[in-house]
Amino acid sequence: MAKPQDINPLVTDANTQNSASVIGSSPQMALSMFYQAVGQAYAITMQNAASTQHNLNMLNTPIVTNAVTAITKAGQGGGGTGAPAPAPAPAPAPHHHS
């Protein structure tokens, strides 16, 4: 049977110190990973917000155009909105100079 050999104390000390170092830096590593994840999530949120704003701005022109068209047609009595056409303006009164 093989005789157990003693391990050099320098090796065990180096291994213990390495393990303690890893365990000691775990909170900092976890926090840095958390900050990275939060930063990335925030960046994606801002990118989505900018994209949504751009898409809404692209819709702005057709929406305003359709609204102006509907108002114009309603003013001409052909809008089909059920709103009565505005009454014509009264004729101006004749002006007499004396």
PDB file of N, CA and C in Angstrom:
ATOM      1  N   MET A   1       0.836  -1.159   0.000  1.00  0.00           N
ATOM      2  CA  MET A   1       0.000   0.000   0.000  1.00  0.00           C
ATOM      3  C   MET A   1       0.889   1.232   0.000  1.00  0.00           C
ATOM      4  N   ALA A   2       0.436   2.230  -0.746  1.00  0.00           N
ATOM      5  CA  ALA A   2       1.240   3.439  -0.865  1.00  0.00           C
ATOM      6  C   ALA A   2       1.130   4.263   0.395  1.00  0.00           C
ATOM      7  N   LYS A   3       2.226   4.847   0.711  1.00  0.00           N
ATOM      8  CA  LYS A   3       2.290   5.677   1.888  1.00  0.00           C
ATOM      9  C   LYS A   3       1.779   7.083   1.557  1.00  0.00           C
ATOM     10  N   PRO A   4       0.869   7.642   2.388  1.00  0.00           N
ATOM     11  CA  PRO A   4       0.428   9.009   2.090  1.00  0.00           C
ATOM     12  C   PRO A   4       1.602   9.963   2.187  1.00  0.00           C
ATOM     13  N   GLN A   5       1.669  10.837   1.223  1.00  0.00           N
ATOM     14  CA  GLN A   5       2.769  11.794   1.220  1.00  0.00           C
ATOM     15  C   GLN A   5       2.284  13.120   1.786  1.00  0.00           C
ATOM     16  N   ASP A   6       3.164  13.739   2.478  1.00  0.00           N
ATOM     17  CA  ASP A   6       2.828  15.053   3.013  1.00  0.00           C
ATOM     18  C   ASP A   6       2.826  16.072   1.873  1.00  0.00           C
ATOM     19  N   ILE A   7       1.867  16.984   1.961  1.00  0.00           N
ATOM     20  CA  ILE A   7       1.798  18.049   0.962  1.00  0.00           C
ATOM     21  C   ILE A   7       2.532  19.245   1.532  1.00  0.00           C
ATOM     22  N   ASN A   8       3.290  19.837   0.677  1.00  0.00           N
ATOM     23  CA  ASN A   8       4.070  20.995   1.082  1.00  0.00           C
ATOM     24  C   ASN A   8       3.120  22.069   1.626  1.00  0.00           C
ATOM     25  N   PRO A   9       3.369  22.594   2.811  1.00  0.00           N
ATOM     26  CA  PRO A   9       2.493  23.620   3.399  1.00  0.00           C
ATOM     27  C   PRO A   9       2.370  24.874   2.533  1.00  0.00           C
ATOM     28  N   LEU A  10       3.372  25.159   1.719  1.00  0.00           N
ATOM     29  CA  LEU A  10       3.276  26.328   0.839  1.00  0.00           C
ATOM     30  C   LEU A  10       2.163  26.135  -0.196  1.00  0.00           C
ATOM     31  N   VAL A  11       1.986  24.903  -0.660  1.00  0.00           N
ATOM     32  CA  VAL A  11       0.941  24.613  -1.649  1.00  0.00           C
ATOM     33  C   VAL A  11      -0.431  24.772  -1.005  1.00  0.00           C
ATOM     34  N   THR A  12      -0.599  24.205   0.167  1.00  0.00           N
ATOM     35  CA  THR A  12      -1.906  24.316   0.826  1.00  0.00           C
ATOM     36  C   THR A  12      -2.204  25.762   1.195  1.00  0.00           C
ATOM     37  N   ASP A  13      -1.181  26.512   1.604  1.00  0.00           N
ATOM     38  CA  ASP A  13      -1.383  27.912   1.954  1.00  0.00           C
ATOM     39  C   ASP A  13      -1.784  28.718   0.718  1.00  0.00           C
ATOM     40  N   ALA A  14      -1.147  28.478  -0.411  1.00  0.00           N
ATOM     41  CA  ALA A  14      -1.483  29.188  -1.650  1.00  0.00           C
ATOM     42  C   ALA A  14      -2.915  28.870  -2.075  1.00  0.00           C
ATOM     43  N   ASN A  15      -3.301  27.609  -1.938  1.00  0.00           N
ATOM     44  CA  ASN A  15      -4.653  27.204  -2.310  1.00  0.00           C
ATOM     45  C   ASN A  15      -5.687  27.858  -1.391  1.00  0.00           C
ATOM     46  N   THR A  16      -5.398  27.890  -0.116  1.00  0.00           N
ATOM     47  CA  THR A  16      -6.313  28.507   0.849  1.00  0.00           C
ATOM     48  C   THR A  16      -6.447  30.000   0.582  1.00  0.00           C
ATOM     49  N   GLN A  17      -5.322  30.659   0.316  1.00  0.00           N
ATOM     50  CA  GLN A  17      -5.367  32.095   0.046  1.00  0.00           C
ATOM     51  C   GLN A  17      -6.143  32.392  -1.234  1.00  0.00           C
ATOM     52  N   ASN A  18      -5.980  31.537  -2.234  1.00  0.00           N
ATOM     53  CA  ASN A  18      -6.695  31.730  -3.493  1.00  0.00           C
ATOM     54  C   ASN A  18      -8.197  31.584  -3.270  1.00  0.00           C
ATOM     55  N   SER A  19      -8.601  30.576  -2.516  1.00  0.00           N
ATOM     56  CA  SER A  19     -10.023  30.373  -2.233  1.00  0.00           C
ATOM     57  C   SER A  19     -10.587  31.546  -1.439  1.00  0.00           C
ATOM     58  N   ALA A  20      -9.832  32.023  -0.471  1.00  0.00           N
ATOM     59  CA  ALA A  20     -10.285  33.160   0.331  1.00  0.00           C
ATOM     60  C   ALA A  20     -10.412  34.406  -0.536  1.00  0.00           C
ATOM     61  N   SER A  21      -9.505  34.554  -1.482  1.00  0.00           N
ATOM     62  CA  SER A  21      -9.558  35.712  -2.373  1.00  0.00           C
ATOM     63  C   SER A  21     -10.805  35.666  -3.249  1.00  0.00           C
ATOM     64  N   VAL A  22     -11.110  34.491  -3.787  1.00  0.00           N
ATOM     65  CA  VAL A  22     -12.296  34.344  -4.634  1.00  0.00           C
ATOM     66  C   VAL A  22     -13.559  34.591  -3.822  1.00  0.00           C
ATOM     67  N   ILE A  23     -13.624  34.011  -2.632  1.00  0.00           N
ATOM     68  CA  ILE A  23     -14.799  34.191  -1.780  1.00  0.00           C
ATOM     69  C   ILE A  23     -14.919  35.649  -1.347  1.00  0.00           C
ATOM     70  N   GLY A  24     -13.796  36.284  -1.064  1.00  0.00           N
ATOM     71  CA  GLY A  24     -13.812  37.678  -0.621  1.00  0.00           C
ATOM     72  C   GLY A  24     -14.241  38.643  -1.708  1.00  0.00           C
ATOM     73  N   SER A  25     -13.961  38.325  -2.965  1.00  0.00           N
ATOM     74  CA  SER A  25     -14.321  39.247  -4.051  1.00  0.00           C
ATOM     75  C   SER A  25     -15.682  38.931  -4.660  1.00  0.00           C
ATOM     76  N   SER A  26     -16.359  37.926  -4.173  1.00  0.00           N
ATOM     77  CA  SER A  26     -17.661  37.551  -4.740  1.00  0.00           C
ATOM     78  C   SER A  26     -18.696  38.671  -4.661  1.00  0.00           C
ATOM     79  N   PRO A  27     -18.847  39.366  -3.532  1.00  0.00           N
ATOM     80  CA  PRO A  27     -19.849  40.445  -3.505  1.00  0.00           C
ATOM     81  C   PRO A  27     -19.576  41.536  -4.542  1.00  0.00           C
ATOM     82  N   GLN A  28     -18.315  41.903  -4.702  1.00  0.00           N
ATOM     83  CA  GLN A  28     -17.989  42.931  -5.689  1.00  0.00           C
ATOM     84  C   GLN A  28     -18.274  42.449  -7.109  1.00  0.00           C
ATOM     85  N   MET A  29     -17.954  41.200  -7.386  1.00  0.00           N
ATOM     86  CA  MET A  29     -18.220  40.652  -8.719  1.00  0.00           C
ATOM     87  C   MET A  29     -19.722  40.600  -8.976  1.00  0.00           C
ATOM     88  N   ALA A  30     -20.468  40.164  -7.981  1.00  0.00           N
ATOM     89  CA  ALA A  30     -21.922  40.074  -8.150  1.00  0.00           C
ATOM     90  C   ALA A  30     -22.517  41.458  -8.384  1.00  0.00           C
ATOM     91  N   LEU A  31     -22.051  42.442  -7.632  1.00  0.00           N
ATOM     92  CA  LEU A  31     -22.574  43.794  -7.788  1.00  0.00           C
ATOM     93  C   LEU A  31     -22.201  44.378  -9.147  1.00  0.00           C
ATOM     94  N   SER A  32     -20.983  44.131  -9.593  1.00  0.00           N
ATOM     95  CA  SER A  32     -20.582  44.652 -10.902  1.00  0.00           C
ATOM     96  C   SER A  32     -21.389  43.996 -12.016  1.00  0.00           C
ATOM     97  N   MET A  33     -21.663  42.703 -11.897  1.00  0.00           N
ATOM     98  CA  MET A  33     -22.491  42.029 -12.899  1.00  0.00           C
ATOM     99  C   MET A  33     -23.917  42.582 -12.873  1.00  0.00           C
ATOM    100  N   PHE A  34     -24.417  42.863 -11.672  1.00  0.00           N
ATOM    101  CA  PHE A  34     -25.755  43.443 -11.542  1.00  0.00           C
ATOM    102  C   PHE A  34     -25.809  44.812 -12.214  1.00  0.00           C
ATOM    103  N   TYR A  35     -24.789  45.658 -11.959  1.00  0.00           N
ATOM    104  CA  TYR A  35     -24.766  46.985 -12.565  1.00  0.00           C
ATOM    105  C   TYR A  35     -24.700  46.894 -14.089  1.00  0.00           C
ATOM    106  N   GLN A  36     -23.937  45.933 -14.593  1.00  0.00           N
ATOM    107  CA  GLN A  36     -23.855  45.754 -16.047  1.00  0.00           C
ATOM    108  C   GLN A  36     -25.212  45.373 -16.617  1.00  0.00           C
ATOM    109  N   ALA A  37     -25.901  44.457 -15.951  1.00  0.00           N
ATOM    110  CA  ALA A  37     -27.215  44.013 -16.425  1.00  0.00           C
ATOM    111  C   ALA A  37     -28.226  45.154 -16.376  1.00  0.00           C
ATOM    112  N   VAL A  38     -28.203  45.930 -15.297  1.00  0.00           N
ATOM    113  CA  VAL A  38     -29.130  47.058 -15.176  1.00  0.00           C
ATOM    114  C   VAL A  38     -28.823  48.108 -16.242  1.00  0.00           C
ATOM    115  N   GLY A  39     -27.554  48.381 -16.463  1.00  0.00           N
ATOM    116  CA  GLY A  39     -27.174  49.353 -17.488  1.00  0.00           C
ATOM    117  C   GLY A  39     -27.616  48.923 -18.874  1.00  0.00           C
ATOM    118  N   GLN A  40     -27.457  47.654 -19.173  1.00  0.00           N
ATOM    119  CA  GLN A  40     -27.876  47.154 -20.477  1.00  0.00           C
ATOM    120  C   GLN A  40     -29.397  47.217 -20.619  1.00  0.00           C
ATOM    121  N   ALA A  41     -30.114  46.850 -19.575  1.00  0.00           N
ATOM    122  CA  ALA A  41     -31.581  46.909 -19.625  1.00  0.00           C
ATOM    123  C   ALA A  41     -32.053  48.348 -19.816  1.00  0.00           C
ATOM    124  N   TYR A  42     -31.409  49.294 -19.130  1.00  0.00           N
ATOM    125  CA  TYR A  42     -31.782  50.705 -19.267  1.00  0.00           C
ATOM    126  C   TYR A  42     -31.499  51.198 -20.683  1.00  0.00           C
ATOM    127  N   ALA A  43     -30.365  50.790 -21.241  1.00  0.00           N
ATOM    128  CA  ALA A  43     -30.022  51.207 -22.603  1.00  0.00           C
ATOM    129  C   ALA A  43     -31.041  50.675 -23.603  1.00  0.00           C
ATOM    130  N   ILE A  44     -31.467  49.439 -23.440  1.00  0.00           N
ATOM    131  CA  ILE A  44     -32.470  48.868 -24.343  1.00  0.00           C
ATOM    132  C   ILE A  44     -33.800  49.600 -24.183  1.00  0.00           C
ATOM    133  N   THR A  45     -34.142  49.965 -22.947  1.00  0.00           N
ATOM    134  CA  THR A  45     -35.378  50.718 -22.713  1.00  0.00           C
ATOM    135  C   THR A  45     -35.334  52.063 -23.431  1.00  0.00           C
ATOM    136  N   MET A  46     -34.218  52.760 -23.348  1.00  0.00           N
ATOM    137  CA  MET A  46     -34.088  54.048 -24.024  1.00  0.00           C
ATOM    138  C   MET A  46     -34.131  53.881 -25.543  1.00  0.00           C
ATOM    139  N   GLN A  47     -33.518  52.812 -26.046  1.00  0.00           N
ATOM    140  CA  GLN A  47     -33.556  52.548 -27.484  1.00  0.00           C
ATOM    141  C   GLN A  47     -34.993  52.291 -27.938  1.00  0.00           C
ATOM    142  N   ASN A  48     -35.738  51.532 -27.158  1.00  0.00           N
ATOM    143  CA  ASN A  48     -37.137  51.269 -27.499  1.00  0.00           C
ATOM    144  C   ASN A  48     -37.963  52.547 -27.447  1.00  0.00           C
ATOM    145  N   ALA A  49     -37.692  53.402 -26.472  1.00  0.00           N
ATOM    146  CA  ALA A  49     -38.431  54.665 -26.367  1.00  0.00           C
ATOM    147  C   ALA A  49     -38.152  55.553 -27.577  1.00  0.00           C
ATOM    148  N   ALA A  50     -36.903  55.627 -27.995  1.00  0.00           N
ATOM    149  CA  ALA A  50     -36.558  56.437 -29.166  1.00  0.00           C
ATOM    150  C   ALA A  50     -37.199  55.866 -30.423  1.00  0.00           C
ATOM    151  N   SER A  51     -37.213  54.559 -30.542  1.00  0.00           N
ATOM    152  CA  SER A  51     -37.841  53.917 -31.700  1.00  0.00           C
ATOM    153  C   SER A  51     -39.343  54.180 -31.726  1.00  0.00           C
ATOM    154  N   THR A  52     -39.983  54.092 -30.573  1.00  0.00           N
ATOM    155  CA  THR A  52     -41.425  54.359 -30.491  1.00  0.00           C
ATOM    156  C   THR A  52     -41.720  55.808 -30.850  1.00  0.00           C
ATOM    157  N   GLN A  53     -40.898  56.723 -30.349  1.00  0.00           N
ATOM    158  CA  GLN A  53     -41.092  58.138 -30.663  1.00  0.00           C
ATOM    159  C   GLN A  53     -40.945  58.372 -32.163  1.00  0.00           C
ATOM    160  N   HIS A  54     -39.967  57.743 -32.772  1.00  0.00           N
ATOM    161  CA  HIS A  54     -39.769  57.878 -34.216  1.00  0.00           C
ATOM    162  C   HIS A  54     -40.987  57.356 -34.976  1.00  0.00           C
ATOM    163  N   ASN A  55     -41.483  56.197 -34.566  1.00  0.00           N
ATOM    164  CA  ASN A  55     -42.642  55.616 -35.246  1.00  0.00           C
ATOM    165  C   ASN A  55     -43.874  56.505 -35.098  1.00  0.00           C
ATOM    166  N   LEU A  56     -44.076  57.090 -33.917  1.00  0.00           N
ATOM    167  CA  LEU A  56     -45.212  57.992 -33.733  1.00  0.00           C
ATOM    168  C   LEU A  56     -45.050  59.261 -34.566  1.00  0.00           C
ATOM    169  N   ASN A  57     -43.827  59.751 -34.688  1.00  0.00           N
ATOM    170  CA  ASN A  57     -43.592  60.925 -35.528  1.00  0.00           C
ATOM    171  C   ASN A  57     -43.860  60.616 -36.996  1.00  0.00           C
ATOM    172  N   MET A  58     -43.592  59.391 -37.414  1.00  0.00           N
ATOM    173  CA  MET A  58     -43.880  58.996 -38.791  1.00  0.00           C
ATOM    174  C   MET A  58     -45.387  58.983 -39.043  1.00  0.00           C
ATOM    175  N   LEU A  59     -46.181  58.666 -38.020  1.00  0.00           N
ATOM    176  CA  LEU A  59     -47.637  58.637 -38.168  1.00  0.00           C
ATOM    177  C   LEU A  59     -48.259  60.026 -38.067  1.00  0.00           C
ATOM    178  N   ASN A  60     -47.522  60.992 -37.563  1.00  0.00           N
ATOM    179  CA  ASN A  60     -48.079  62.318 -37.316  1.00  0.00           C
ATOM    180  C   ASN A  60     -48.616  62.964 -38.588  1.00  0.00           C
ATOM    181  N   THR A  61     -47.866  62.934 -39.683  1.00  0.00           N
ATOM    182  CA  THR A  61     -48.288  63.581 -40.925  1.00  0.00           C
ATOM    183  C   THR A  61     -49.574  62.979 -41.481  1.00  0.00           C
ATOM    184  N   PRO A  62     -49.677  61.652 -41.627  1.00  0.00           N
ATOM    185  CA  PRO A  62     -50.947  61.116 -42.143  1.00  0.00           C
ATOM    186  C   PRO A  62     -52.134  61.386 -41.218  1.00  0.00           C
ATOM    187  N   ILE A  63     -51.913  61.386 -39.916  1.00  0.00           N
ATOM    188  CA  ILE A  63     -53.018  61.646 -38.985  1.00  0.00           C
ATOM    189  C   ILE A  63     -53.523  63.077 -39.159  1.00  0.00           C
ATOM    190  N   VAL A  64     -52.608  64.035 -39.214  1.00  0.00           N
ATOM    191  CA  VAL A  64     -53.006  65.436 -39.387  1.00  0.00           C
ATOM    192  C   VAL A  64     -53.664  65.631 -40.751  1.00  0.00           C
ATOM    193  N   THR A  65     -53.124  64.995 -41.786  1.00  0.00           N
ATOM    194  CA  THR A  65     -53.708  65.106 -43.125  1.00  0.00           C
ATOM    195  C   THR A  65     -55.138  64.586 -43.140  1.00  0.00           C
ATOM    196  N   ASN A  66     -55.367  63.433 -42.534  1.00  0.00           N
ATOM    197  CA  ASN A  66     -56.719  62.870 -42.488  1.00  0.00           C
ATOM    198  C   ASN A  66     -57.660  63.766 -41.684  1.00  0.00           C
ATOM    199  N   ALA A  67     -57.175  64.331 -40.595  1.00  0.00           N
ATOM    200  CA  ALA A  67     -58.020  65.209 -39.783  1.00  0.00           C
ATOM    201  C   ALA A  67     -58.396  66.466 -40.556  1.00  0.00           C
ATOM    202  N   VAL A  68     -57.429  67.075 -41.243  1.00  0.00           N
ATOM    203  CA  VAL A  68     -57.711  68.284 -42.025  1.00  0.00           C
ATOM    204  C   VAL A  68     -58.670  67.958 -43.166  1.00  0.00           C
ATOM    205  N   THR A  69     -58.487  66.809 -43.808  1.00  0.00           N
ATOM    206  CA  THR A  69     -59.397  66.396 -44.883  1.00  0.00           C
ATOM    207  C   THR A  69     -60.812  66.219 -44.352  1.00  0.00           C
ATOM    208  N   ALA A  70     -60.946  65.573 -43.197  1.00  0.00           N
ATOM    209  CA  ALA A  70     -62.275  65.371 -42.612  1.00  0.00           C
ATOM    210  C   ALA A  70     -62.920  66.701 -42.248  1.00  0.00           C
ATOM    211  N   ILE A  71     -62.144  67.626 -41.706  1.00  0.00           N
ATOM    212  CA  ILE A  71     -62.681  68.942 -41.344  1.00  0.00           C
ATOM    213  C   ILE A  71     -63.108  69.699 -42.597  1.00  0.00           C
ATOM    214  N   THR A  72     -62.291  69.624 -43.635  1.00  0.00           N
ATOM    215  CA  THR A  72     -62.614  70.317 -44.883  1.00  0.00           C
ATOM    216  C   THR A  72     -63.882  69.755 -45.504  1.00  0.00           C
ATOM    217  N   LYS A  73     -63.999  68.436 -45.549  1.00  0.00           N
ATOM    218  CA  LYS A  73     -65.204  67.812 -46.109  1.00  0.00           C
ATOM    219  C   LYS A  73     -66.426  68.149 -45.272  1.00  0.00           C
ATOM    220  N   ALA A  74     -66.281  68.180 -43.969  1.00  0.00           N
ATOM    221  CA  ALA A  74     -67.409  68.527 -43.103  1.00  0.00           C
ATOM    222  C   ALA A  74     -67.836  69.963 -43.351  1.00  0.00           C
ATOM    223  N   GLY A  75     -66.886  70.844 -43.612  1.00  0.00           N
ATOM    224  CA  GLY A  75     -67.193  72.238 -43.899  1.00  0.00           C
ATOM    225  C   GLY A  75     -67.908  72.404 -45.222  1.00  0.00           C
ATOM    226  N   GLN A  76     -67.697  71.463 -46.152  1.00  0.00           N
ATOM    227  CA  GLN A  76     -68.354  71.518 -47.455  1.00  0.00           C
ATOM    228  C   GLN A  76     -69.653  70.726 -47.457  1.00  0.00           C
ATOM    229  N   GLY A  77     -69.987  70.126 -46.347  1.00  0.00           N
ATOM    230  CA  GLY A  77     -71.220  69.368 -46.258  1.00  0.00           C
ATOM    231  C   GLY A  77     -71.102  67.950 -46.775  1.00  0.00           C
ATOM    232  N   GLY A  78     -69.934  67.499 -47.107  1.00  0.00           N
ATOM    233  CA  GLY A  78     -69.792  66.147 -47.649  1.00  0.00           C
ATOM    234  C   GLY A  78     -68.956  65.245 -46.778  1.00  0.00           C
ATOM    235  N   GLY A  79     -68.834  65.586 -45.535  1.00  0.00           N
ATOM    236  CA  GLY A  79     -67.964  64.801 -44.664  1.00  0.00           C
ATOM    237  C   GLY A  79     -68.578  63.509 -44.202  1.00  0.00           C
ATOM    238  N   GLY A  80     -69.892  63.422 -44.180  1.00  0.00           N
ATOM    239  CA  GLY A  80     -70.526  62.201 -43.721  1.00  0.00           C
ATOM    240  C   GLY A  80     -70.373  61.996 -42.229  1.00  0.00           C
ATOM    241  N   THR A  81     -70.076  63.048 -41.494  1.00  0.00           N
ATOM    242  CA  THR A  81     -69.880  62.895 -40.054  1.00  0.00           C
ATOM    243  C   THR A  81     -71.164  63.113 -39.284  1.00  0.00           C
ATOM    244  N   GLY A  82     -72.229  63.547 -39.976  1.00  0.00           N
ATOM    245  CA  GLY A  82     -73.480  63.818 -39.289  1.00  0.00           C
ATOM    246  C   GLY A  82     -73.550  65.238 -38.760  1.00  0.00           C
ATOM    247  N   ALA A  83     -72.469  65.956 -38.859  1.00  0.00           N
ATOM    248  CA  ALA A  83     -72.465  67.340 -38.399  1.00  0.00           C
ATOM    249  C   ALA A  83     -73.036  68.217 -39.503  1.00  0.00           C
ATOM    250  N   PRO A  84     -73.897  69.160 -39.170  1.00  0.00           N
ATOM    251  CA  PRO A  84     -74.453  70.025 -40.216  1.00  0.00           C
ATOM    252  C   PRO A  84     -73.386  70.956 -40.767  1.00  0.00           C
ATOM    253  N   ALA A  85     -73.576  71.311 -42.023  1.00  0.00           N
ATOM    254  CA  ALA A  85     -72.646  72.250 -42.645  1.00  0.00           C
ATOM    255  C   ALA A  85     -72.857  73.619 -42.013  1.00  0.00           C
ATOM    256  N   PRO A  86     -71.807  74.395 -41.871  1.00  0.00           N
ATOM    257  CA  PRO A  86     -71.985  75.716 -41.271  1.00  0.00           C
ATOM    258  C   PRO A  86     -72.860  76.599 -42.161  1.00  0.00           C
ATOM    259  N   ALA A  87     -73.616  77.472 -41.532  1.00  0.00           N
ATOM    260  CA  ALA A  87     -74.491  78.388 -42.274  1.00  0.00           C
ATOM    261  C   ALA A  87     -73.644  79.389 -43.030  1.00  0.00           C
ATOM    262  N   PRO A  88     -74.124  79.806 -44.220  1.00  0.00           N
ATOM    263  CA  PRO A  88     -73.339  80.798 -44.964  1.00  0.00           C
ATOM    264  C   PRO A  88     -73.324  82.131 -44.214  1.00  0.00           C
ATOM    265  N   ALA A  89     -72.279  82.860 -44.421  1.00  0.00           N
ATOM    266  CA  ALA A  89     -72.140  84.159 -43.757  1.00  0.00           C
ATOM    267  C   ALA A  89     -73.169  85.125 -44.325  1.00  0.00           C
ATOM    268  N   PRO A  90     -73.753  85.980 -43.500  1.00  0.00           N
ATOM    269  CA  PRO A  90     -74.730  86.948 -44.015  1.00  0.00           C
ATOM    270  C   PRO A  90     -74.053  87.957 -44.930  1.00  0.00           C
ATOM    271  N   ALA A  91     -74.827  88.447 -45.903  1.00  0.00           N
ATOM    272  CA  ALA A  91     -74.292  89.441 -46.836  1.00  0.00           C
ATOM    273  C   ALA A  91     -74.046  90.738 -46.082  1.00  0.00           C
ATOM    274  N   PRO A  92     -72.992  91.440 -46.425  1.00  0.00           N
ATOM    275  CA  PRO A  92     -72.723  92.699 -45.734  1.00  0.00           C
ATOM    276  C   PRO A  92     -73.805  93.738 -46.059  1.00  0.00           C
ATOM    277  N   ALA A  93     -74.095  94.563 -45.100  1.00  0.00           N
ATOM    278  CA  ALA A  93     -75.095  95.618 -45.289  1.00  0.00           C
ATOM    279  C   ALA A  93     -74.540  96.682 -46.220  1.00  0.00           C
ATOM    280  N   PRO A  94     -75.420  97.253 -47.074  1.00  0.00           N
ATOM    281  CA  PRO A  94     -74.921  98.316 -47.971  1.00  0.00           C
ATOM    282  C   PRO A  94     -74.469  99.530 -47.166  1.00  0.00           C
ATOM    283  N   HIS A  95     -73.477 100.168 -47.685  1.00  0.00           N
ATOM    284  CA  HIS A  95     -72.898 101.328 -47.014  1.00  0.00           C
ATOM    285  C   HIS A  95     -73.426 102.591 -47.684  1.00  0.00           C
ATOM    286  N   HIS A  96     -74.058 103.492 -46.958  1.00  0.00           N
ATOM    287  CA  HIS A  96     -74.593 104.737 -47.514  1.00  0.00           C
ATOM    288  C   HIS A  96     -73.779 105.901 -46.982  1.00  0.00           C
ATOM    289  N   HIS A  97     -73.383 106.747 -47.903  1.00  0.00           N
ATOM    290  CA  HIS A  97     -72.674 107.972 -47.497  1.00  0.00           C
ATOM    291  C   HIS A  97     -73.628 109.140 -47.613  1.00  0.00           C
ATOM    292  N   SER A  98     -73.659 109.982 -46.640  1.00  0.00           N
ATOM    293  CA  SER A  98     -74.520 111.147 -46.782  1.00  0.00           C
ATOM    294  C   SER A  98     -73.735 112.419 -46.778  1.00  0.00           C
TER     295      SER A  98
END
